[in-house]
Amino acid sequence: MNINLDDAFIAQIVAGLKPVIIATVQGAIKDAKSDSRPYLNRTDMAKYLGVSQSTVGAWVKDGLPVAIVDGRKLYGKQTVNQWLKDHEIAT
């Protein structure tokens, strides 16, 4: 099977895909930068852990460590990971 596309149609495809590719790459770069930070806000920590922001808040009430600097709550990835490991149970 052979499909021939004219130059105008190829240009149309490229024009349609270009913004999608750019947005995808920009999103990946943003996510990579977010993941390289040692401390995250609650929104980013929830994304990092794959849970809701309210779950992070509930875990803070259960003892999840949080750093408060100038009224901002920041969650250290290493500290949070250790807290989770400390709460693992063998089944």
Protein backbone atom coordinates (compact mmCIF):
# COMPACT_ATOMS: atom_id res chain seq x y z
CA MET A 1 0.00 0.00 0.00
CA ASN A 2 1.34 3.40 -0.91
CA ILE A 3 -0.13 6.69 0.27
CA ASN A 4 0.86 9.88 -1.45
CA LEU A 5 0.30 13.16 0.34
CA ASP A 6 0.70 16.49 -1.39
CA ASP A 7 2.96 19.15 0.10
CA ALA A 8 0.04 21.34 1.19
CA PHE A 9 -1.52 18.51 3.21
CA ILE A 10 1.83 17.67 4.83
CA ALA A 11 2.28 21.33 5.77
CA GLN A 12 -1.20 21.31 7.29
CA ILE A 13 -0.36 18.22 9.37
CA VAL A 14 2.91 19.76 10.57
CA ALA A 15 1.16 23.03 11.44
CA GLY A 16 -1.41 21.12 13.49
CA LEU A 17 1.12 18.96 15.30
CA LYS A 18 3.69 21.65 16.06
CA PRO A 19 1.77 23.35 18.92
CA VAL A 20 0.91 19.98 20.45
CA ILE A 21 4.56 18.89 20.40
CA ILE A 22 5.74 22.21 21.83
CA ALA A 23 3.16 22.08 24.64
CA THR A 24 4.11 18.49 25.46
CA VAL A 25 7.82 19.28 25.63
CA GLN A 26 7.22 22.41 27.72
CA GLY A 27 5.06 20.41 30.13
CA ALA A 28 7.74 17.73 30.44
CA ILE A 29 10.39 20.37 31.14
CA LYS A 30 8.19 21.96 33.80
CA ASP A 31 7.57 18.58 35.43
CA ALA A 32 11.28 17.75 35.36
CA LYS A 33 12.13 21.04 37.06
CA SER A 34 9.43 20.45 39.66
CA ASP A 35 10.80 16.99 40.42
CA SER A 36 14.36 18.29 40.89
CA ARG A 37 13.38 20.55 43.80
CA PRO A 38 14.10 19.04 47.23
CA TYR A 39 11.13 20.83 48.83
CA LEU A 40 7.63 21.08 47.38
CA ASN A 41 4.45 22.94 48.23
CA ARG A 42 1.34 20.91 49.07
CA THR A 43 0.03 20.91 45.49
CA ASP A 44 3.30 19.60 44.07
CA MET A 45 3.77 17.13 46.94
CA ALA A 46 0.32 15.72 46.27
CA LYS A 47 1.24 15.28 42.59
CA TYR A 48 4.60 13.76 43.57
CA LEU A 49 2.88 11.21 45.80
CA GLY A 50 -0.12 10.65 43.54
CA VAL A 51 -2.63 11.61 46.21
CA SER A 52 -5.00 14.52 46.78
CA GLN A 53 -4.03 17.70 48.58
CA SER A 54 -6.49 16.85 51.33
CA THR A 55 -4.67 13.54 51.86
CA VAL A 56 -1.40 15.43 52.32
CA GLY A 57 -3.17 17.66 54.86
CA ALA A 58 -4.55 14.64 56.70
CA TRP A 59 -1.11 13.05 56.81
CA VAL A 60 0.31 16.25 58.31
CA LYS A 61 -2.23 15.84 61.13
CA ASP A 62 -0.95 12.27 61.47
CA GLY A 63 2.64 13.49 61.81
CA LEU A 64 3.94 14.02 58.27
CA PRO A 65 6.83 16.48 58.70
CA VAL A 66 6.40 19.93 57.21
CA ALA A 67 8.76 22.91 57.20
CA ILE A 68 7.12 26.29 57.76
CA VAL A 69 9.08 29.26 56.44
CA ASP A 70 7.50 32.71 56.48
CA GLY A 71 4.08 31.06 56.76
CA ARG A 72 4.67 28.79 53.75
CA LYS A 73 4.47 25.06 54.26
CA LEU A 74 7.10 23.07 52.40
CA TYR A 75 7.48 19.32 52.28
CA GLY A 76 10.92 17.76 51.93
CA LYS A 77 10.88 14.85 49.51
CA GLN A 78 13.50 12.87 51.43
CA THR A 79 11.73 13.46 54.74
CA VAL A 80 8.34 12.54 53.33
CA ASN A 81 9.75 9.40 51.70
CA GLN A 82 11.32 8.40 55.03
CA TRP A 83 8.05 9.07 56.88
CA LEU A 84 6.22 6.82 54.44
CA LYS A 85 8.87 4.09 54.82
CA ASP A 86 8.48 4.33 58.59
CA HIS A 87 4.77 3.65 58.14
CA GLU A 88 5.21 0.58 55.94
CA ILE A 89 3.97 -2.67 57.41
CA ALA A 90 4.81 -6.18 56.39
CA THR A 91 1.85 -8.32 55.40
